[in-house]
Amino acid sequence: MPEGHTGTHNALDDPRNANVRIWINGELHHRDEARISVFDSGYLVGDGVWEALRLHEGVLVFLDEHLDRLWMGLKAIALDPGVTRAELTEAIWTTVRANEMHDDVHVRFMVTRGNKKTPSQDPRLVVGGANVVIIAEHKRADPGTRTSGISLFTSTVRRGSPDYLDPRLNCHSKLHEVIALNQALAAGADEALMLDIHGFVATCNATNFFMVKNGAGWTSTGRYCMQGITRRKVIEHGRAGGIEVLEKDFSLTDVYDADEAFVTGTFGALTPVRAVDGRTIGAGTGMGPVTAKLEELYRRAIAEAVAAAGNEARA
């Protein structure tokens, strides 16, 4: 990233990543030798879906929820992955074990429609089956980002309507989000805040947005944003922990008057927002008290998932 900028995907350098092995259609390749054809549907027209999750203390955290979302996307775009959930799960574990990974690992798995015999949108021109790629890396979030928080800039690019590209799909077509992020970077911010088609706050270019007002968390209705697993856990466990978390329409006027703000994502978990469109949010640095409590509840949910996986393994 440009000097002076940070972001929710900032990770500490880890030399082990220079030699990770990547799964491609049943075979493991050194990262320098990992190749996909230029005729791949994902490369040609963005035709594919993907997921990313964390390996924490030997557990693929919230794996079932991520697989549910992947299979929802596969059904929506009529893509046969050529593998079952069990086979994909075993492939993920094979990749992790081959890289001798246990903790602080980010795993991204992608499914595209496969290679075309000629560049085209037409799915009937696929030769063979889907391409499945699994990339696991040693990635620990930079603690400096959590301490300093990030700044957001509201992009002119809106989150789309579900009647032309459902924004809930975690698909390979991310150009509108890249354009939004480029606008934010050009404005001197770290990431982009995006509105829905009605002008209400929807999400960020790569994370879900929350604000806090009078002790309550606010986030969008979810109709125009990625259905984040971390977002859902924060809502569920926040409510269970006694914090009011509202899913509602709200505008930038509300955001500018927020007591706290933060974004959620699989990699960065909860990251505080220090400013939006040049307006300082709260103290302008670090986590506010409600954000910190929600993060504690989210971390507890991860710990419970890890413990449950351990108990299941011992059963």
Protein backbone atom coordinates (compact mmCIF):
# COMPACT_ATOMS: atom_id res chain seq x y z
CA MET A 1 0.00 0.00 0.00
CA PRO A 2 1.11 3.62 -0.44
CA GLU A 3 3.21 5.04 2.36
CA GLY A 4 1.07 6.42 5.16
CA HIS A 5 -1.90 4.19 4.40
CA THR A 6 -3.14 1.18 6.28
CA GLY A 7 -6.07 -1.19 5.86
CA THR A 8 -7.95 -4.12 7.27
CA HIS A 9 -5.88 -6.62 5.29
CA ASN A 10 -2.47 -5.40 6.47
CA ALA A 11 -0.52 -8.43 7.64
CA LEU A 12 2.84 -8.89 9.31
CA ASP A 13 5.51 -10.22 6.98
CA ASP A 14 6.11 -13.96 7.37
CA PRO A 15 9.04 -15.56 5.48
CA ARG A 16 7.33 -18.96 5.55
CA ASN A 17 4.94 -17.74 2.88
CA ALA A 18 7.74 -17.78 0.31
CA ASN A 19 7.48 -21.56 0.16
CA VAL A 20 3.80 -22.34 0.68
CA ARG A 21 2.23 -25.02 -1.47
CA ILE A 22 -1.02 -24.30 -3.25
CA TRP A 23 -3.77 -26.77 -4.14
CA ILE A 24 -4.90 -26.72 -7.77
CA ASN A 25 -7.39 -29.37 -8.89
CA GLY A 26 -6.05 -32.12 -6.66
CA GLU A 27 -2.34 -31.34 -6.85
CA LEU A 28 -0.05 -29.26 -4.65
CA HIS A 29 2.37 -26.80 -6.23
CA HIS A 30 5.02 -24.48 -4.84
CA ARG A 31 3.63 -20.94 -5.01
CA ASP A 32 6.17 -20.00 -7.70
CA GLU A 33 4.90 -22.86 -9.87
CA ALA A 34 1.16 -22.47 -9.20
CA ARG A 35 -0.55 -21.77 -12.53
CA ILE A 36 -4.06 -21.37 -13.93
CA SER A 37 -4.78 -21.17 -17.66
CA VAL A 38 -5.40 -17.79 -19.31
CA PHE A 39 -8.57 -19.48 -20.61
CA ASP A 40 -9.91 -19.90 -17.06
CA SER A 41 -13.48 -18.58 -16.70
CA GLY A 42 -12.60 -16.62 -13.60
CA TYR A 43 -9.77 -14.83 -15.38
CA LEU A 44 -11.74 -14.24 -18.56
CA VAL A 45 -15.08 -13.03 -17.19
CA GLY A 46 -14.98 -13.25 -13.38
CA ASP A 47 -17.11 -16.40 -13.43
CA GLY A 48 -16.63 -18.01 -10.04
CA VAL A 49 -17.15 -17.80 -6.29
CA TRP A 50 -14.78 -17.97 -3.34
CA GLU A 51 -14.50 -18.07 0.44
CA ALA A 52 -11.82 -17.29 3.02
CA LEU A 53 -11.52 -18.46 6.61
CA ARG A 54 -9.04 -18.68 9.46
CA LEU A 55 -7.13 -21.61 10.91
CA HIS A 56 -7.01 -20.89 14.65
CA GLU A 57 -5.30 -23.27 17.06
CA GLY A 58 -5.68 -26.12 14.59
CA VAL A 59 -9.36 -25.44 13.88
CA LEU A 60 -10.91 -24.12 10.67
CA VAL A 61 -13.14 -21.61 12.45
CA PHE A 62 -16.80 -21.42 11.31
CA LEU A 63 -16.09 -23.81 8.43
CA ASP A 64 -19.68 -24.95 8.04
CA GLU A 65 -20.95 -21.37 7.70
CA HIS A 66 -18.35 -20.62 5.03
CA LEU A 67 -19.21 -23.78 3.11
CA ASP A 68 -22.92 -22.91 3.35
CA ARG A 69 -22.22 -19.52 1.78
CA LEU A 70 -20.00 -21.04 -0.92
CA TRP A 71 -22.63 -23.58 -1.90
CA MET A 72 -25.30 -20.88 -1.95
CA GLY A 73 -23.17 -18.98 -4.44
CA LEU A 74 -22.49 -22.08 -6.53
CA LYS A 75 -26.21 -22.80 -6.78
CA ALA A 76 -27.01 -19.18 -7.63
CA ILE A 77 -24.66 -19.14 -10.62
CA ALA A 78 -25.37 -22.77 -11.63
CA LEU A 79 -21.77 -23.90 -11.18
CA ASP A 80 -20.98 -27.54 -10.46
CA PRO A 81 -17.76 -27.53 -8.39
CA GLY A 82 -17.00 -31.16 -9.20
CA VAL A 83 -16.35 -31.87 -5.51
CA THR A 84 -18.54 -32.53 -2.50
CA ARG A 85 -18.40 -30.49 0.70
CA ALA A 86 -16.55 -33.36 2.35
CA GLU A 87 -14.02 -33.57 -0.49
CA LEU A 88 -13.39 -29.83 -0.46
CA THR A 89 -12.98 -29.92 3.32
CA GLU A 90 -10.41 -32.71 3.02
CA ALA A 91 -8.59 -30.75 0.30
CA ILE A 92 -8.37 -27.73 2.60
CA TRP A 93 -6.96 -29.88 5.39
CA THR A 94 -4.51 -31.50 2.97
CA THR A 95 -3.24 -28.06 1.96
CA VAL A 96 -2.92 -26.88 5.56
CA ARG A 97 -1.09 -30.03 6.65
CA ALA A 98 1.25 -29.96 3.66
CA ASN A 99 2.29 -26.49 4.78
CA GLU A 100 2.65 -27.56 8.43
CA MET A 101 0.19 -24.89 9.54
CA HIS A 102 -1.57 -24.66 12.88
CA ASP A 103 -2.39 -21.06 13.85
CA ASP A 104 -2.63 -17.53 12.42
CA VAL A 105 -3.40 -18.89 8.97
CA HIS A 106 -5.67 -17.41 6.31
CA VAL A 107 -7.18 -19.88 3.84
CA ARG A 108 -8.83 -18.79 0.61
CA PHE A 109 -10.57 -21.33 -1.61
CA MET A 110 -11.89 -20.50 -5.07
CA VAL A 111 -14.08 -22.26 -7.61
CA THR A 112 -14.37 -21.10 -11.21
CA ARG A 113 -16.38 -22.63 -14.04
CA GLY A 114 -13.21 -23.95 -15.64
CA ASN A 115 -11.19 -23.45 -18.79
CA LYS A 116 -12.83 -22.28 -22.03
CA LYS A 117 -11.81 -23.50 -25.45
CA THR A 118 -11.94 -19.87 -26.61
CA PRO A 119 -12.40 -16.55 -24.78
CA SER A 120 -16.16 -16.19 -24.25
CA GLN A 121 -18.88 -15.76 -21.63
CA ASP A 122 -20.73 -18.84 -22.87
CA PRO A 123 -20.60 -21.60 -20.20
CA ARG A 124 -21.12 -24.22 -22.90
CA LEU A 125 -17.57 -23.55 -24.10
CA VAL A 126 -15.99 -24.92 -20.92
CA VAL A 127 -13.55 -27.76 -21.56
CA GLY A 128 -13.54 -30.16 -18.65
CA GLY A 129 -14.76 -29.30 -15.18
CA ALA A 130 -14.44 -26.52 -12.63
CA ASN A 131 -11.11 -25.20 -11.39
CA VAL A 132 -10.64 -25.43 -7.62
CA VAL A 133 -7.77 -23.53 -5.99
CA ILE A 134 -6.84 -23.38 -2.30
CA ILE A 135 -4.31 -20.85 -1.01
CA ALA A 136 -3.25 -21.03 2.63
CA GLU A 137 -0.86 -18.42 4.03
CA HIS A 138 0.67 -17.57 7.38
CA LYS A 139 -1.08 -14.25 8.04
CA ARG A 140 -1.37 -12.38 11.29
CA ALA A 141 -3.08 -9.02 11.26
CA ASP A 142 -0.83 -6.02 11.89
CA PRO A 143 -1.67 -4.92 15.47
CA GLY A 144 -0.89 -1.33 14.48
CA THR A 145 -4.05 -1.23 12.39
CA ARG A 146 -6.16 -2.18 15.38
CA THR A 147 -4.45 0.46 17.50
CA SER A 148 -4.65 3.35 15.04
CA GLY A 149 -7.89 2.44 13.30
CA ILE A 150 -8.65 3.13 9.65
CA SER A 151 -10.15 6.04 7.74
CA LEU A 152 -12.99 5.67 5.25
CA PHE A 153 -14.09 7.71 2.25
CA THR A 154 -17.59 7.39 0.81
CA SER A 155 -17.36 6.25 -2.80
CA THR A 156 -19.66 7.35 -5.60
CA VAL A 157 -19.89 3.67 -6.58
CA ARG A 158 -23.07 2.17 -5.13
CA ARG A 159 -23.69 -1.38 -4.02
CA GLY A 160 -25.81 -3.00 -6.69
CA SER A 161 -29.39 -4.13 -6.79
CA PRO A 162 -30.00 -7.88 -6.51
CA ASP A 163 -31.82 -7.90 -9.85
CA TYR A 164 -28.58 -7.52 -11.82
CA LEU A 165 -25.78 -8.78 -9.55
CA ASP A 166 -26.83 -9.78 -6.06
CA PRO A 167 -24.38 -8.04 -3.69
CA ARG A 168 -24.64 -11.01 -1.34
CA LEU A 169 -22.69 -13.14 -3.82
CA ASN A 170 -19.02 -13.59 -2.95
CA CYS A 171 -18.14 -13.79 -6.62
CA HIS A 172 -14.96 -13.12 -8.60
CA SER A 173 -16.48 -10.00 -10.16
CA LYS A 174 -15.12 -7.36 -7.75
CA LEU A 175 -14.34 -4.53 -10.16
CA HIS A 176 -16.91 -2.15 -8.69
CA GLU A 177 -15.34 -2.61 -5.26
CA VAL A 178 -11.85 -2.05 -6.67
CA ILE A 179 -13.04 1.20 -8.29
CA ALA A 180 -14.56 2.27 -4.96
CA LEU A 181 -11.31 1.51 -3.13
CA ASN A 182 -9.27 3.43 -5.69
CA GLN A 183 -11.48 6.46 -5.11
CA ALA A 184 -10.87 6.20 -1.37
CA LEU A 185 -7.12 5.84 -1.80
CA ALA A 186 -7.03 8.85 -4.12
CA ALA A 187 -8.89 10.83 -1.45
CA GLY A 188 -6.26 9.91 1.14
CA ALA A 189 -8.37 7.35 3.02
CA ASP A 190 -7.63 3.70 3.74
CA GLU A 191 -10.79 2.01 2.48
CA ALA A 192 -14.14 2.84 0.87
CA LEU A 193 -17.56 3.17 2.43
CA MET A 194 -20.33 2.28 -0.03
CA LEU A 195 -23.99 3.29 -0.09
CA ASP A 196 -26.91 1.22 -1.37
CA ILE A 197 -29.16 2.17 -4.29
CA HIS A 198 -31.36 4.25 -1.94
CA GLY A 199 -28.47 6.24 -0.48
CA PHE A 200 -28.29 4.43 2.84
CA VAL A 201 -25.00 3.08 4.22
CA ALA A 202 -24.46 -0.47 2.97
CA THR A 203 -20.93 -1.78 3.51
CA CYS A 204 -17.26 -1.18 2.78
CA ASN A 205 -15.37 -2.38 -0.28
CA ALA A 206 -14.05 -5.48 1.52
CA THR A 207 -15.60 -5.45 5.00
CA ASN A 208 -18.93 -4.86 6.74
CA PHE A 209 -19.57 -1.53 8.45
CA PHE A 210 -20.93 -0.90 11.96
CA MET A 211 -21.45 2.31 13.93
CA VAL A 212 -22.29 2.81 17.60
CA LYS A 213 -24.72 5.39 18.95
CA ASN A 214 -25.85 5.70 22.58
CA GLY A 215 -24.51 2.27 23.44
CA ALA A 216 -26.20 0.43 20.55
CA GLY A 217 -24.55 -1.02 17.47
CA TRP A 218 -26.00 -0.19 14.06
CA THR A 219 -25.33 -2.00 10.80
CA SER A 220 -27.13 -2.11 7.47
CA THR A 221 -30.17 -4.24 6.74
CA GLY A 222 -27.91 -6.68 4.91
CA ARG A 223 -29.86 -6.46 1.66
CA TYR A 224 -27.03 -4.75 -0.20
CA CYS A 225 -23.90 -6.21 1.33
CA MET A 226 -21.90 -9.38 1.54
CA GLN A 227 -23.38 -11.66 4.18
CA GLY A 228 -20.25 -11.62 6.32
CA ILE A 229 -19.73 -14.49 8.73
CA THR A 230 -17.96 -12.16 11.17
CA ARG A 231 -20.78 -9.63 10.75
CA ARG A 232 -23.33 -12.29 11.67
CA LYS A 233 -21.34 -13.48 14.70
CA VAL A 234 -20.98 -9.92 16.01
CA ILE A 235 -24.74 -9.38 15.69
CA GLU A 236 -25.66 -12.71 17.30
CA HIS A 237 -23.15 -12.68 20.14
CA GLY A 238 -23.53 -8.96 20.77
CA ARG A 239 -27.25 -9.41 21.32
CA ALA A 240 -26.70 -12.49 23.46
CA GLY A 241 -24.18 -10.50 25.50
CA GLY A 242 -26.65 -7.75 26.27
CA ILE A 243 -25.68 -5.21 23.61
CA GLU A 244 -28.42 -3.90 21.34
CA VAL A 245 -27.37 -4.44 17.72
CA LEU A 246 -29.73 -3.04 15.10
CA GLU A 247 -29.97 -3.94 11.42
CA LYS A 248 -31.50 -0.83 9.89
CA ASP A 249 -31.34 1.87 7.24
CA PHE A 250 -29.20 4.85 8.21
CA SER A 251 -27.45 7.65 6.37
CA LEU A 252 -24.07 9.36 6.36
CA THR A 253 -25.56 12.02 8.64
CA ASP A 254 -25.93 9.31 11.29
CA VAL A 255 -22.40 8.04 10.66
CA TYR A 256 -20.85 11.49 11.07
CA ASP A 257 -22.55 11.75 14.49
CA ALA A 258 -21.54 8.25 15.64
CA ASP A 259 -19.87 7.63 18.99
CA GLU A 260 -17.82 4.77 17.56
CA ALA A 261 -17.47 2.89 14.28
CA PHE A 262 -15.78 -0.31 13.18
CA VAL A 263 -15.64 -2.79 10.33
CA THR A 264 -15.72 -6.58 10.42
CA GLY A 265 -14.05 -9.23 8.30
CA THR A 266 -12.67 -12.74 8.52
CA PHE A 267 -9.05 -11.59 8.49
CA GLY A 268 -9.08 -8.44 10.61
CA ALA A 269 -12.03 -9.40 12.87
CA LEU A 270 -13.12 -6.02 14.32
CA THR A 271 -11.14 -2.98 13.18
CA PRO A 272 -11.94 0.49 14.57
CA VAL A 273 -12.73 3.37 12.23
CA ARG A 274 -11.13 6.66 13.26
CA ALA A 275 -12.62 8.91 10.56
CA VAL A 276 -15.20 8.96 7.76
CA ASP A 277 -15.01 11.57 5.00
CA GLY A 278 -12.70 13.69 7.12
CA ARG A 279 -14.97 13.60 10.19
CA THR A 280 -13.35 12.19 13.31
CA ILE A 281 -15.36 9.37 14.87
CA GLY A 282 -15.30 9.21 18.66
CA ALA A 283 -11.82 9.70 20.09
CA GLY A 284 -10.34 9.19 16.62
CA THR A 285 -8.06 6.33 17.60
CA GLY A 286 -8.33 2.82 18.98
CA MET A 287 -11.47 0.97 19.99
CA GLY A 288 -14.34 2.59 21.84
CA PRO A 289 -15.89 0.72 24.80
CA VAL A 290 -18.81 -0.84 22.90
CA THR A 291 -16.55 -1.96 20.05
CA ALA A 292 -14.13 -3.47 22.56
CA LYS A 293 -16.96 -5.36 24.26
CA LEU A 294 -18.23 -6.68 20.92
CA GLU A 295 -14.72 -7.79 20.02
CA GLU A 296 -14.44 -9.61 23.34
CA LEU A 297 -17.71 -11.43 22.63
CA TYR A 298 -16.54 -12.32 19.12
CA ARG A 299 -13.22 -13.66 20.42
CA ARG A 300 -15.16 -15.70 22.94
CA ALA A 301 -17.22 -17.18 20.10
CA ILE A 302 -14.01 -18.24 18.37
CA ALA A 303 -12.70 -19.79 21.58
CA GLU A 304 -15.97 -21.70 21.97
CA ALA A 305 -15.73 -22.97 18.39
CA VAL A 306 -12.16 -24.14 18.99
CA ALA A 307 -13.14 -25.87 22.23
CA ALA A 308 -16.13 -27.54 20.58
CA ALA A 309 -13.93 -28.85 17.77
CA GLY A 310 -11.52 -30.25 20.34
CA ASN A 311 -14.31 -31.98 22.23
CA GLU A 312 -15.65 -33.44 19.02
CA ALA A 313 -12.20 -34.77 18.13
CA ARG A 314 -11.95 -36.42 21.55
CA ALA A 315 -15.47 -37.92 21.37
